Amino acid sequence: MAYKMVAERDNETVKVERESTWLIVAKARIWASEGWRVVITDKDGKSYAPDEFDKLLAA
């Protein structure tokens, strides 16, 4: 998998893996809008917070 998303809130954790940049960013933005702490990690291990998601789409 190229991208991994981890969303955390309270004592809950959700992990999602996707090949598509567009899908993982869309999913992460939805989770973040619902109050979850979200991070996307790319295949190189670089992590992106919600304010950096546009960098993933520009690459």
N, C-alpha and C. Protein backbone atom coordinates (compact mmCIF):
# COMPACT_ATOMS: atom_id res chain seq x y z
N MET A 1 0.83 -1.18 0.00
CA MET A 1 0.00 0.00 0.00
C MET A 1 0.88 1.25 0.00
N ALA A 2 0.45 2.23 -0.73
CA ALA A 2 1.24 3.44 -0.86
C ALA A 2 1.00 4.44 0.27
N TYR A 3 -0.24 4.51 0.78
CA TYR A 3 -0.56 5.51 1.80
C TYR A 3 -1.32 4.86 2.95
N LYS A 4 -0.98 5.29 4.17
CA LYS A 4 -1.67 4.81 5.36
C LYS A 4 -2.21 6.01 6.12
N MET A 5 -3.46 5.90 6.55
CA MET A 5 -4.07 6.94 7.36
C MET A 5 -4.35 6.36 8.73
N VAL A 6 -4.03 7.13 9.76
CA VAL A 6 -4.37 6.75 11.12
C VAL A 6 -5.18 7.90 11.71
N ALA A 7 -6.37 7.58 12.18
CA ALA A 7 -7.24 8.56 12.83
C ALA A 7 -7.45 8.12 14.27
N GLU A 8 -7.28 9.07 15.20
CA GLU A 8 -7.43 8.76 16.62
C GLU A 8 -8.35 9.78 17.29
N ARG A 9 -9.18 9.27 18.18
CA ARG A 9 -10.06 10.12 18.98
C ARG A 9 -10.39 9.35 20.25
N ASP A 10 -10.24 10.02 21.38
CA ASP A 10 -10.45 9.39 22.68
C ASP A 10 -9.61 8.12 22.75
N ASN A 11 -10.22 6.98 22.93
CA ASN A 11 -9.47 5.73 23.00
C ASN A 11 -9.69 4.88 21.75
N GLU A 12 -10.10 5.50 20.65
CA GLU A 12 -10.36 4.79 19.40
C GLU A 12 -9.27 5.10 18.37
N THR A 13 -8.92 4.10 17.58
CA THR A 13 -7.97 4.27 16.49
C THR A 13 -8.51 3.56 15.26
N VAL A 14 -8.45 4.25 14.12
CA VAL A 14 -8.88 3.67 12.84
C VAL A 14 -7.70 3.77 11.89
N LYS A 15 -7.39 2.66 11.21
CA LYS A 15 -6.31 2.64 10.25
C LYS A 15 -6.85 2.25 8.88
N VAL A 16 -6.42 2.99 7.85
CA VAL A 16 -6.88 2.76 6.48
C VAL A 16 -5.66 2.80 5.57
N GLU A 17 -5.62 1.90 4.60
CA GLU A 17 -4.55 1.90 3.60
C GLU A 17 -5.17 2.01 2.22
N ARG A 18 -4.58 2.86 1.37
CA ARG A 18 -5.07 3.05 0.00
C ARG A 18 -3.89 3.30 -0.93
N GLU A 19 -4.06 2.94 -2.17
CA GLU A 19 -3.07 3.23 -3.21
C GLU A 19 -3.25 4.65 -3.76
N SER A 20 -4.48 5.12 -3.79
CA SER A 20 -4.80 6.41 -4.39
C SER A 20 -4.59 7.57 -3.42
N THR A 21 -3.83 8.56 -3.87
CA THR A 21 -3.63 9.77 -3.08
C THR A 21 -4.96 10.48 -2.86
N TRP A 22 -5.74 10.60 -3.92
CA TRP A 22 -7.02 11.31 -3.83
C TRP A 22 -7.96 10.65 -2.83
N LEU A 23 -8.05 9.33 -2.84
CA LEU A 23 -8.95 8.64 -1.92
C LEU A 23 -8.51 8.76 -0.47
N ILE A 24 -7.22 8.62 -0.22
CA ILE A 24 -6.75 8.69 1.17
C ILE A 24 -6.91 10.10 1.72
N VAL A 25 -6.65 11.11 0.90
CA VAL A 25 -6.81 12.50 1.36
C VAL A 25 -8.29 12.81 1.59
N ALA A 26 -9.16 12.37 0.71
CA ALA A 26 -10.60 12.61 0.89
C ALA A 26 -11.10 11.96 2.18
N LYS A 27 -10.69 10.72 2.39
CA LYS A 27 -11.11 10.00 3.60
C LYS A 27 -10.55 10.69 4.85
N ALA A 28 -9.30 11.09 4.80
CA ALA A 28 -8.67 11.74 5.95
C ALA A 28 -9.34 13.08 6.27
N ARG A 29 -9.71 13.83 5.24
CA ARG A 29 -10.37 15.11 5.47
C ARG A 29 -11.73 14.91 6.14
N ILE A 30 -12.44 13.88 5.76
CA ILE A 30 -13.73 13.59 6.39
C ILE A 30 -13.53 13.27 7.86
N TRP A 31 -12.60 12.38 8.16
CA TRP A 31 -12.33 12.02 9.56
C TRP A 31 -11.90 13.25 10.36
N ALA A 32 -11.02 14.08 9.79
CA ALA A 32 -10.55 15.28 10.49
C ALA A 32 -11.72 16.25 10.75
N SER A 33 -12.63 16.35 9.80
CA SER A 33 -13.78 17.26 9.98
C SER A 33 -14.71 16.78 11.09
N GLU A 34 -14.63 15.51 11.42
CA GLU A 34 -15.45 14.95 12.49
C GLU A 34 -14.74 14.99 13.85
N GLY A 35 -13.59 15.67 13.91
CA GLY A 35 -12.91 15.84 15.19
C GLY A 35 -11.83 14.82 15.51
N TRP A 36 -11.47 13.99 14.55
CA TRP A 36 -10.43 13.00 14.76
C TRP A 36 -9.06 13.62 14.49
N ARG A 37 -8.03 13.14 15.19
CA ARG A 37 -6.64 13.52 14.90
C ARG A 37 -6.17 12.57 13.81
N VAL A 38 -5.80 13.13 12.66
CA VAL A 38 -5.52 12.32 11.48
C VAL A 38 -4.10 12.59 10.98
N VAL A 39 -3.43 11.51 10.58
CA VAL A 39 -2.11 11.60 9.96
C VAL A 39 -2.08 10.63 8.79
N ILE A 40 -1.52 11.08 7.67
CA ILE A 40 -1.29 10.21 6.52
C ILE A 40 0.21 9.98 6.41
N THR A 41 0.59 8.73 6.19
CA THR A 41 1.99 8.39 5.98
C THR A 41 2.15 7.83 4.57
N ASP A 42 3.15 8.34 3.83
CA ASP A 42 3.36 7.85 2.47
C ASP A 42 4.29 6.65 2.46
N LYS A 43 4.55 6.11 1.29
CA LYS A 43 5.35 4.89 1.17
C LYS A 43 6.78 5.08 1.64
N ASP A 44 7.25 6.34 1.69
CA ASP A 44 8.61 6.63 2.16
C ASP A 44 8.68 6.87 3.66
N GLY A 45 7.53 6.81 4.33
CA GLY A 45 7.49 6.99 5.77
C GLY A 45 7.30 8.44 6.22
N LYS A 46 7.11 9.36 5.29
CA LYS A 46 6.88 10.76 5.64
C LYS A 46 5.43 10.94 6.07
N SER A 47 5.23 11.64 7.17
CA SER A 47 3.89 11.85 7.72
C SER A 47 3.37 13.24 7.37
N TYR A 48 2.05 13.31 7.15
CA TYR A 48 1.39 14.56 6.79
C TYR A 48 0.20 14.79 7.72
N ALA A 49 0.16 15.97 8.33
CA ALA A 49 -0.97 16.39 9.15
C ALA A 49 -2.01 17.02 8.22
N PRO A 50 -3.24 17.25 8.71
CA PRO A 50 -4.29 17.80 7.84
C PRO A 50 -3.91 19.08 7.09
N ASP A 51 -3.13 19.95 7.70
CA ASP A 51 -2.76 21.19 7.01
C ASP A 51 -1.73 20.97 5.90
N GLU A 52 -1.24 19.73 5.77
CA GLU A 52 -0.26 19.39 4.74
C GLU A 52 -0.82 18.47 3.65
N PHE A 53 -2.10 18.14 3.72
CA PHE A 53 -2.69 17.19 2.76
C PHE A 53 -2.58 17.68 1.33
N ASP A 54 -2.64 19.00 1.11
CA ASP A 54 -2.52 19.52 -0.25
C ASP A 54 -1.16 19.19 -0.88
N LYS A 55 -0.13 19.05 -0.05
CA LYS A 55 1.19 18.68 -0.55
C LYS A 55 1.16 17.29 -1.20
N LEU A 56 0.37 16.39 -0.65
CA LEU A 56 0.23 15.06 -1.22
C LEU A 56 -0.42 15.11 -2.60
N LEU A 57 -1.42 15.97 -2.73
CA LEU A 57 -2.13 16.08 -4.00
C LEU A 57 -1.32 16.78 -5.06
N ALA A 58 -0.40 17.65 -4.65
CA ALA A 58 0.43 18.40 -5.61
C ALA A 58 1.57 17.56 -6.15
N ALA A 59 1.92 16.50 -5.47
CA ALA A 59 3.07 15.68 -5.88
C ALA A 59 2.77 14.83 -7.10
